[in-house]
């Protein structure tokens, strides 16, 4: 579930993020650091362990558009009634 980076002589070439649910993204970079491509991954292995709730909450905050989105995600992640 953690990000993975590939560097060559101090230059970031590729980063892969595994969301822990079988999906993720692989981003490749040009030599100047700009994004060359983003590939959506949907065939990653799913961990038998459930994702860390704190990680899920932080990700929900990053992905949220509104504070109501954050509250709804927190309720869902923490198991509280909506």
PDB file of N, CA and C in Angstrom:
ATOM      1  N   UNK A   1       0.811  -1.191   0.000  1.00  0.00           N
ATOM      2  CA  UNK A   1       0.000   0.000   0.000  1.00  0.00           C
ATOM      3  C   UNK A   1       0.855   1.257   0.000  1.00  0.00           C
ATOM      4  N   UNK A   2       2.132   1.105   0.207  1.00  0.00           N
ATOM      5  CA  UNK A   2       2.980   2.293   0.239  1.00  0.00           C
ATOM      6  C   UNK A   2       3.499   2.619  -1.154  1.00  0.00           C
ATOM      7  N   UNK A   3       3.848   3.872  -1.375  1.00  0.00           N
ATOM      8  CA  UNK A   3       4.400   4.266  -2.675  1.00  0.00           C
ATOM      9  C   UNK A   3       5.766   3.615  -2.915  1.00  0.00           C
ATOM     10  N   UNK A   4       6.111   3.465  -4.169  1.00  0.00           N
ATOM     11  CA  UNK A   4       7.403   2.905  -4.571  1.00  0.00           C
ATOM     12  C   UNK A   4       7.981   3.830  -5.635  1.00  0.00           C
ATOM     13  N   UNK A   5       9.232   4.219  -5.468  1.00  0.00           N
ATOM     14  CA  UNK A   5       9.874   5.151  -6.395  1.00  0.00           C
ATOM     15  C   UNK A   5      11.086   4.501  -7.035  1.00  0.00           C
ATOM     16  N   UNK A   6      11.329   4.830  -8.300  1.00  0.00           N
ATOM     17  CA  UNK A   6      12.528   4.382  -9.012  1.00  0.00           C
ATOM     18  C   UNK A   6      13.289   5.619  -9.460  1.00  0.00           C
ATOM     19  N   UNK A   7      14.559   5.682  -9.053  1.00  0.00           N
ATOM     20  CA  UNK A   7      15.439   6.802  -9.401  1.00  0.00           C
ATOM     21  C   UNK A   7      16.601   6.302 -10.235  1.00  0.00           C
ATOM     22  N   UNK A   8      17.162   7.176 -11.060  1.00  0.00           N
ATOM     23  CA  UNK A   8      18.395   6.904 -11.786  1.00  0.00           C
ATOM     24  C   UNK A   8      19.269   8.141 -11.651  1.00  0.00           C
ATOM     25  N   UNK A   9      20.383   7.998 -10.967  1.00  0.00           N
ATOM     26  CA  UNK A   9      21.328   9.084 -10.731  1.00  0.00           C
ATOM     27  C   UNK A   9      20.627  10.305 -10.132  1.00  0.00           C
ATOM     28  N   UNK A  10      19.746  10.046  -9.168  1.00  0.00           N
ATOM     29  CA  UNK A  10      19.065  11.125  -8.456  1.00  0.00           C
ATOM     30  C   UNK A  10      17.855  11.709  -9.151  1.00  0.00           C
ATOM     31  N   UNK A  11      17.500  11.159 -10.313  1.00  0.00           N
ATOM     32  CA  UNK A  11      16.344  11.662 -11.057  1.00  0.00           C
ATOM     33  C   UNK A  11      15.207  10.659 -10.918  1.00  0.00           C
ATOM     34  N   UNK A  12      14.037  11.142 -10.486  1.00  0.00           N
ATOM     35  CA  UNK A  12      12.866  10.285 -10.356  1.00  0.00           C
ATOM     36  C   UNK A  12      12.391   9.873 -11.739  1.00  0.00           C
ATOM     37  N   UNK A  13      12.326   8.559 -11.982  1.00  0.00           N
ATOM     38  CA  UNK A  13      11.874   8.039 -13.262  1.00  0.00           C
ATOM     39  C   UNK A  13      10.443   7.528 -13.210  1.00  0.00           C
ATOM     40  N   UNK A  14      10.068   6.935 -12.047  1.00  0.00           N
ATOM     41  CA  UNK A  14       8.769   6.282 -11.964  1.00  0.00           C
ATOM     42  C   UNK A  14       8.313   6.207 -10.516  1.00  0.00           C
ATOM     43  N   UNK A  15       7.021   6.359 -10.295  1.00  0.00           N
ATOM     44  CA  UNK A  15       6.448   6.124  -8.969  1.00  0.00           C
ATOM     45  C   UNK A  15       5.208   5.260  -9.131  1.00  0.00           C
ATOM     46  N   UNK A  16       5.041   4.330  -8.201  1.00  0.00           N
ATOM     47  CA  UNK A  16       3.882   3.455  -8.209  1.00  0.00           C
ATOM     48  C   UNK A  16       3.203   3.555  -6.860  1.00  0.00           C
ATOM     49  N   UNK A  17       1.881   3.754  -6.875  1.00  0.00           N
ATOM     50  CA  UNK A  17       1.102   3.823  -5.646  1.00  0.00           C
ATOM     51  C   UNK A  17       0.087   2.692  -5.678  1.00  0.00           C
ATOM     52  N   UNK A  18       0.125   1.827  -4.654  1.00  0.00           N
ATOM     53  CA  UNK A  18      -0.807   0.727  -4.505  1.00  0.00           C
ATOM     54  C   UNK A  18      -1.863   1.149  -3.492  1.00  0.00           C
ATOM     55  N   UNK A  19      -3.131   1.179  -3.891  1.00  0.00           N
ATOM     56  CA  UNK A  19      -4.206   1.594  -2.993  1.00  0.00           C
ATOM     57  C   UNK A  19      -4.631   0.505  -2.016  1.00  0.00           C
ATOM     58  N   UNK A  20      -4.103  -0.708  -2.186  1.00  0.00           N
ATOM     59  CA  UNK A  20      -4.409  -1.800  -1.278  1.00  0.00           C
ATOM     60  C   UNK A  20      -5.691  -2.543  -1.619  1.00  0.00           C
ATOM     61  N   UNK A  21      -6.404  -2.083  -2.633  1.00  0.00           N
ATOM     62  CA  UNK A  21      -7.667  -2.726  -3.016  1.00  0.00           C
ATOM     63  C   UNK A  21      -7.593  -3.355  -4.408  1.00  0.00           C
ATOM     64  N   UNK A  22      -6.365  -3.583  -4.884  1.00  0.00           N
ATOM     65  CA  UNK A  22      -6.178  -4.138  -6.216  1.00  0.00           C
ATOM     66  C   UNK A  22      -5.978  -3.090  -7.288  1.00  0.00           C
ATOM     67  N   UNK A  23      -6.094  -1.809  -6.895  1.00  0.00           N
ATOM     68  CA  UNK A  23      -5.915  -0.728  -7.857  1.00  0.00           C
ATOM     69  C   UNK A  23      -4.728   0.143  -7.450  1.00  0.00           C
ATOM     70  N   UNK A  24      -4.272   0.948  -8.384  1.00  0.00           N
ATOM     71  CA  UNK A  24      -3.178   1.868  -8.101  1.00  0.00           C
ATOM     72  C   UNK A  24      -2.851   2.680  -9.333  1.00  0.00           C
ATOM     73  N   UNK A  25      -1.755   3.419  -9.259  1.00  0.00           N
ATOM     74  CA  UNK A  25      -1.300   4.202 -10.400  1.00  0.00           C
ATOM     75  C   UNK A  25       0.211   4.071 -10.543  1.00  0.00           C
ATOM     76  N   UNK A  26       0.659   4.092 -11.779  1.00  0.00           N
ATOM     77  CA  UNK A  26       2.095   4.118 -12.082  1.00  0.00           C
ATOM     78  C   UNK A  26       2.341   5.372 -12.911  1.00  0.00           C
ATOM     79  N   UNK A  27       3.182   6.267 -12.403  1.00  0.00           N
ATOM     80  CA  UNK A  27       3.495   7.514 -13.080  1.00  0.00           C
ATOM     81  C   UNK A  27       4.945   7.477 -13.512  1.00  0.00           C
ATOM     82  N   UNK A  28       5.188   7.787 -14.791  1.00  0.00           N
ATOM     83  CA  UNK A  28       6.561   7.902 -15.287  1.00  0.00           C
ATOM     84  C   UNK A  28       6.853   9.376 -15.536  1.00  0.00           C
ATOM     85  N   UNK A  29       8.120   9.732 -15.386  1.00  0.00           N
ATOM     86  CA  UNK A  29       8.541  11.130 -15.460  1.00  0.00           C
ATOM     87  C   UNK A  29       9.607  11.327 -16.518  1.00  0.00           C
ATOM     88  N   UNK A  30       9.606  12.506 -17.132  1.00  0.00           N
ATOM     89  CA  UNK A  30      10.669  12.917 -18.053  1.00  0.00           C
ATOM     90  C   UNK A  30      11.889  13.313 -17.237  1.00  0.00           C
ATOM     91  N   UNK A  31      13.022  13.469 -17.904  1.00  0.00           N
ATOM     92  CA  UNK A  31      14.261  13.839 -17.222  1.00  0.00           C
ATOM     93  C   UNK A  31      14.158  15.179 -16.500  1.00  0.00           C
ATOM     94  N   UNK A  32      13.276  16.070 -16.983  1.00  0.00           N
ATOM     95  CA  UNK A  32      13.123  17.385 -16.346  1.00  0.00           C
ATOM     96  C   UNK A  32      12.130  17.362 -15.177  1.00  0.00           C
ATOM     97  N   UNK A  33      11.573  16.179 -14.878  1.00  0.00           N
ATOM     98  CA  UNK A  33      10.672  16.039 -13.739  1.00  0.00           C
ATOM     99  C   UNK A  33       9.201  16.167 -14.073  1.00  0.00           C
ATOM    100  N   UNK A  34       8.881  16.477 -15.318  1.00  0.00           N
ATOM    101  CA  UNK A  34       7.476  16.573 -15.695  1.00  0.00           C
ATOM    102  C   UNK A  34       6.897  15.175 -15.915  1.00  0.00           C
ATOM    103  N   UNK A  35       5.598  15.044 -15.747  1.00  0.00           N
ATOM    104  CA  UNK A  35       4.931  13.755 -15.906  1.00  0.00           C
ATOM    105  C   UNK A  35       4.887  13.379 -17.375  1.00  0.00           C
ATOM    106  N   UNK A  36       5.370  12.177 -17.670  1.00  0.00           N
ATOM    107  CA  UNK A  36       5.341  11.665 -19.040  1.00  0.00           C
ATOM    108  C   UNK A  36       4.078  10.853 -19.276  1.00  0.00           C
ATOM    109  N   UNK A  37       3.689  10.050 -18.271  1.00  0.00           N
ATOM    110  CA  UNK A  37       2.476   9.245 -18.428  1.00  0.00           C
ATOM    111  C   UNK A  37       1.983   8.791 -17.056  1.00  0.00           C
ATOM    112  N   UNK A  38       0.684   8.517 -16.999  1.00  0.00           N
ATOM    113  CA  UNK A  38       0.056   7.960 -15.805  1.00  0.00           C
ATOM    114  C   UNK A  38      -0.753   6.752 -16.245  1.00  0.00           C
ATOM    115  N   UNK A  39      -0.465   5.616 -15.632  1.00  0.00           N
ATOM    116  CA  UNK A  39      -1.160   4.381 -15.975  1.00  0.00           C
ATOM    117  C   UNK A  39      -1.984   3.936 -14.771  1.00  0.00           C
ATOM    118  N   UNK A  40      -3.268   3.685 -14.988  1.00  0.00           N
ATOM    119  CA  UNK A  40      -4.135   3.168 -13.926  1.00  0.00           C
ATOM    120  C   UNK A  40      -3.943   1.656 -13.873  1.00  0.00           C
ATOM    121  N   UNK A  41      -3.652   1.160 -12.682  1.00  0.00           N
ATOM    122  CA  UNK A  41      -3.438  -0.269 -12.483  1.00  0.00           C
ATOM    123  C   UNK A  41      -4.668  -0.866 -11.822  1.00  0.00           C
ATOM    124  N   UNK A  42      -5.117  -2.013 -12.322  1.00  0.00           N
ATOM    125  CA  UNK A  42      -6.279  -2.646 -11.709  1.00  0.00           C
ATOM    126  C   UNK A  42      -6.080  -4.140 -11.490  1.00  0.00           C
ATOM    127  N   UNK A  43      -4.826  -4.593 -11.555  1.00  0.00           N
ATOM    128  CA  UNK A  43      -4.558  -6.014 -11.388  1.00  0.00           C
ATOM    129  C   UNK A  43      -3.539  -6.286 -10.280  1.00  0.00           C
ATOM    130  N   UNK A  44      -3.462  -5.386  -9.312  1.00  0.00           N
ATOM    131  CA  UNK A  44      -2.521  -5.568  -8.215  1.00  0.00           C
ATOM    132  C   UNK A  44      -3.085  -6.553  -7.194  1.00  0.00           C
ATOM    133  N   UNK A  45      -2.218  -7.258  -6.479  1.00  0.00           N
ATOM    134  CA  UNK A  45      -2.719  -8.175  -5.450  1.00  0.00           C
ATOM    135  C   UNK A  45      -3.365  -7.404  -4.301  1.00  0.00           C
ATOM    136  N   UNK A  46      -4.404  -7.993  -3.741  1.00  0.00           N
ATOM    137  CA  UNK A  46      -5.097  -7.390  -2.608  1.00  0.00           C
ATOM    138  C   UNK A  46      -4.557  -8.022  -1.338  1.00  0.00           C
ATOM    139  N   UNK A  47      -4.177  -7.189  -0.398  1.00  0.00           N
ATOM    140  CA  UNK A  47      -3.626  -7.668   0.865  1.00  0.00           C
ATOM    141  C   UNK A  47      -4.713  -8.335   1.696  1.00  0.00           C
ATOM    142  N   UNK A  48      -4.348  -9.398   2.392  1.00  0.00           N
ATOM    143  CA  UNK A  48      -5.293 -10.074   3.283  1.00  0.00           C
ATOM    144  C   UNK A  48      -5.605  -9.205   4.490  1.00  0.00           C
ATOM    145  N   UNK A  49      -4.666  -8.345   4.856  1.00  0.00           N
ATOM    146  CA  UNK A  49      -4.882  -7.438   5.979  1.00  0.00           C
ATOM    147  C   UNK A  49      -5.741  -6.272   5.522  1.00  0.00           C
ATOM    148  N   UNK A  50      -6.623  -5.824   6.389  1.00  0.00           N
ATOM    149  CA  UNK A  50      -7.418  -4.662   6.034  1.00  0.00           C
ATOM    150  C   UNK A  50      -6.531  -3.421   6.113  1.00  0.00           C
ATOM    151  N   UNK A  51      -6.783  -2.425   5.271  1.00  0.00           N
ATOM    152  CA  UNK A  51      -5.963  -1.213   5.280  1.00  0.00           C
ATOM    153  C   UNK A  51      -6.037  -0.496   6.627  1.00  0.00           C
ATOM    154  N   UNK A  52      -4.976   0.160   6.969  1.00  0.00           N
ATOM    155  CA  UNK A  52      -4.899   0.935   8.201  1.00  0.00           C
ATOM    156  C   UNK A  52      -5.936   2.058   8.164  1.00  0.00           C
ATOM    157  N   UNK A  53      -6.814   2.146   9.168  1.00  0.00           N
ATOM    158  CA  UNK A  53      -7.846   3.183   9.158  1.00  0.00           C
ATOM    159  C   UNK A  53      -7.279   4.601   9.087  1.00  0.00           C
ATOM    160  N   UNK A  54      -6.152   4.849   9.730  1.00  0.00           N
ATOM    161  CA  UNK A  54      -5.559   6.183   9.670  1.00  0.00           C
ATOM    162  C   UNK A  54      -5.133   6.509   8.237  1.00  0.00           C
ATOM    163  N   UNK A  55      -4.515   5.552   7.559  1.00  0.00           N
ATOM    164  CA  UNK A  55      -4.129   5.753   6.166  1.00  0.00           C
ATOM    165  C   UNK A  55      -5.371   6.028   5.321  1.00  0.00           C
ATOM    166  N   UNK A  56      -6.430   5.246   5.534  1.00  0.00           N
ATOM    167  CA  UNK A  56      -7.669   5.439   4.781  1.00  0.00           C
ATOM    168  C   UNK A  56      -8.237   6.836   5.028  1.00  0.00           C
ATOM    169  N   UNK A  57      -8.213   7.283   6.272  1.00  0.00           N
ATOM    170  CA  UNK A  57      -8.761   8.597   6.606  1.00  0.00           C
ATOM    171  C   UNK A  57      -7.954   9.712   5.950  1.00  0.00           C
ATOM    172  N   UNK A  58      -6.642   9.612   6.007  1.00  0.00           N
ATOM    173  CA  UNK A  58      -5.789  10.622   5.364  1.00  0.00           C
ATOM    174  C   UNK A  58      -6.055  10.645   3.864  1.00  0.00           C
ATOM    175  N   UNK A  59      -6.166   9.465   3.242  1.00  0.00           N
ATOM    176  CA  UNK A  59      -6.441   9.404   1.813  1.00  0.00           C
ATOM    177  C   UNK A  59      -7.800  10.023   1.499  1.00  0.00           C
ATOM    178  N   UNK A  60      -8.790   9.786   2.361  1.00  0.00           N
ATOM    179  CA  UNK A  60     -10.119  10.363   2.148  1.00  0.00           C
ATOM    180  C   UNK A  60     -10.071  11.885   2.226  1.00  0.00           C
ATOM    181  N   UNK A  61      -9.263  12.411   3.140  1.00  0.00           N
ATOM    182  CA  UNK A  61      -9.122  13.867   3.261  1.00  0.00           C
ATOM    183  C   UNK A  61      -8.490  14.440   1.992  1.00  0.00           C
ATOM    184  N   UNK A  62      -7.477  13.749   1.493  1.00  0.00           N
ATOM    185  CA  UNK A  62      -6.808  14.203   0.266  1.00  0.00           C
ATOM    186  C   UNK A  62      -7.775  14.184  -0.915  1.00  0.00           C
ATOM    187  N   UNK A  63      -8.616  13.154  -0.979  1.00  0.00           N
ATOM    188  CA  UNK A  63      -9.521  12.982  -2.112  1.00  0.00           C
ATOM    189  C   UNK A  63     -10.809  13.800  -1.996  1.00  0.00           C
ATOM    190  N   UNK A  64     -11.111  14.311  -0.823  1.00  0.00           N
ATOM    191  CA  UNK A  64     -12.401  14.971  -0.586  1.00  0.00           C
ATOM    192  C   UNK A  64     -12.516  16.299  -1.321  1.00  0.00           C
ATOM    193  N   UNK A  65     -13.733  16.598  -1.732  1.00  0.00           N
ATOM    194  CA  UNK A  65     -14.033  17.882  -2.358  1.00  0.00           C
ATOM    195  C   UNK A  65     -14.577  18.876  -1.337  1.00  0.00           C
ATOM    196  N   UNK A  66     -15.286  18.352  -0.337  1.00  0.00           N
ATOM    197  CA  UNK A  66     -15.912  19.208   0.669  1.00  0.00           C
ATOM    198  C   UNK A  66     -15.696  18.618   2.054  1.00  0.00           C
ATOM    199  N   UNK A  67     -15.979  19.430   3.060  1.00  0.00           N
ATOM    200  CA  UNK A  67     -15.879  18.941   4.428  1.00  0.00           C
ATOM    201  C   UNK A  67     -16.906  17.842   4.689  1.00  0.00           C
ATOM    202  N   UNK A  68     -18.069  17.931   4.060  1.00  0.00           N
ATOM    203  CA  UNK A  68     -19.077  16.874   4.210  1.00  0.00           C
ATOM    204  C   UNK A  68     -18.555  15.544   3.674  1.00  0.00           C
ATOM    205  N   UNK A  69     -17.762  15.594   2.587  1.00  0.00           N
ATOM    206  CA  UNK A  69     -17.134  14.372   2.065  1.00  0.00           C
ATOM    207  C   UNK A  69     -16.193  13.766   3.101  1.00  0.00           C
ATOM    208  N   UNK A  70     -15.437  14.623   3.783  1.00  0.00           N
ATOM    209  CA  UNK A  70     -14.509  14.158   4.817  1.00  0.00           C
ATOM    210  C   UNK A  70     -15.286  13.507   5.954  1.00  0.00           C
ATOM    211  N   UNK A  71     -16.359  14.156   6.400  1.00  0.00           N
ATOM    212  CA  UNK A  71     -17.157  13.605   7.503  1.00  0.00           C
ATOM    213  C   UNK A  71     -17.771  12.257   7.129  1.00  0.00           C
ATOM    214  N   UNK A  72     -18.307  12.159   5.915  1.00  0.00           N
ATOM    215  CA  UNK A  72     -18.914  10.905   5.470  1.00  0.00           C
ATOM    216  C   UNK A  72     -17.874   9.791   5.387  1.00  0.00           C
ATOM    217  N   UNK A  73     -16.700  10.117   4.872  1.00  0.00           N
ATOM    218  CA  UNK A  73     -15.632   9.117   4.770  1.00  0.00           C
ATOM    219  C   UNK A  73     -15.177   8.676   6.157  1.00  0.00           C
ATOM    220  N   UNK A  74     -15.051   9.623   7.080  1.00  0.00           N
ATOM    221  CA  UNK A  74     -14.630   9.291   8.441  1.00  0.00           C
ATOM    222  C   UNK A  74     -15.642   8.363   9.091  1.00  0.00           C
ATOM    223  N   UNK A  75     -16.925   8.650   8.907  1.00  0.00           N
ATOM    224  CA  UNK A  75     -17.964   7.771   9.478  1.00  0.00           C
ATOM    225  C   UNK A  75     -17.865   6.356   8.886  1.00  0.00           C
ATOM    226  N   UNK A  76     -17.676   6.288   7.586  1.00  0.00           N
ATOM    227  CA  UNK A  76     -17.592   4.980   6.923  1.00  0.00           C
ATOM    228  C   UNK A  76     -16.350   4.207   7.368  1.00  0.00           C
ATOM    229  N   UNK A  77     -15.222   4.895   7.462  1.00  0.00           N
ATOM    230  CA  UNK A  77     -13.961   4.248   7.824  1.00  0.00           C
ATOM    231  C   UNK A  77     -13.961   3.818   9.279  1.00  0.00           C
ATOM    232  N   UNK A  78     -14.479   4.663  10.130  1.00  0.00           N
ATOM    233  CA  UNK A  78     -14.452   4.393  11.575  1.00  0.00           C
ATOM    234  C   UNK A  78     -15.659   3.592  12.038  1.00  0.00           C
ATOM    235  N   UNK A  79     -16.585   3.297  11.134  1.00  0.00           N
ATOM    236  CA  UNK A  79     -17.703   2.437  11.458  1.00  0.00           C
ATOM    237  C   UNK A  79     -18.830   3.107  12.204  1.00  0.00           C
ATOM    238  N   UNK A  80     -18.887   4.415  12.172  1.00  0.00           N
ATOM    239  CA  UNK A  80     -19.965   5.120  12.853  1.00  0.00           C
ATOM    240  C   UNK A  80     -21.189   5.196  11.951  1.00  0.00           C
ATOM    241  N   UNK A  81     -22.368   5.320  12.559  1.00  0.00           N
ATOM    242  CA  UNK A  81     -23.606   5.456  11.798  1.00  0.00           C
ATOM    243  C   UNK A  81     -23.578   6.755  11.005  1.00  0.00           C
ATOM    244  N   UNK A  82     -24.113   6.712   9.811  1.00  0.00           N
ATOM    245  CA  UNK A  82     -24.097   7.904   8.956  1.00  0.00           C
ATOM    246  C   UNK A  82     -25.264   8.787   9.229  1.00  0.00           C
TER     247      UNK A  82
END
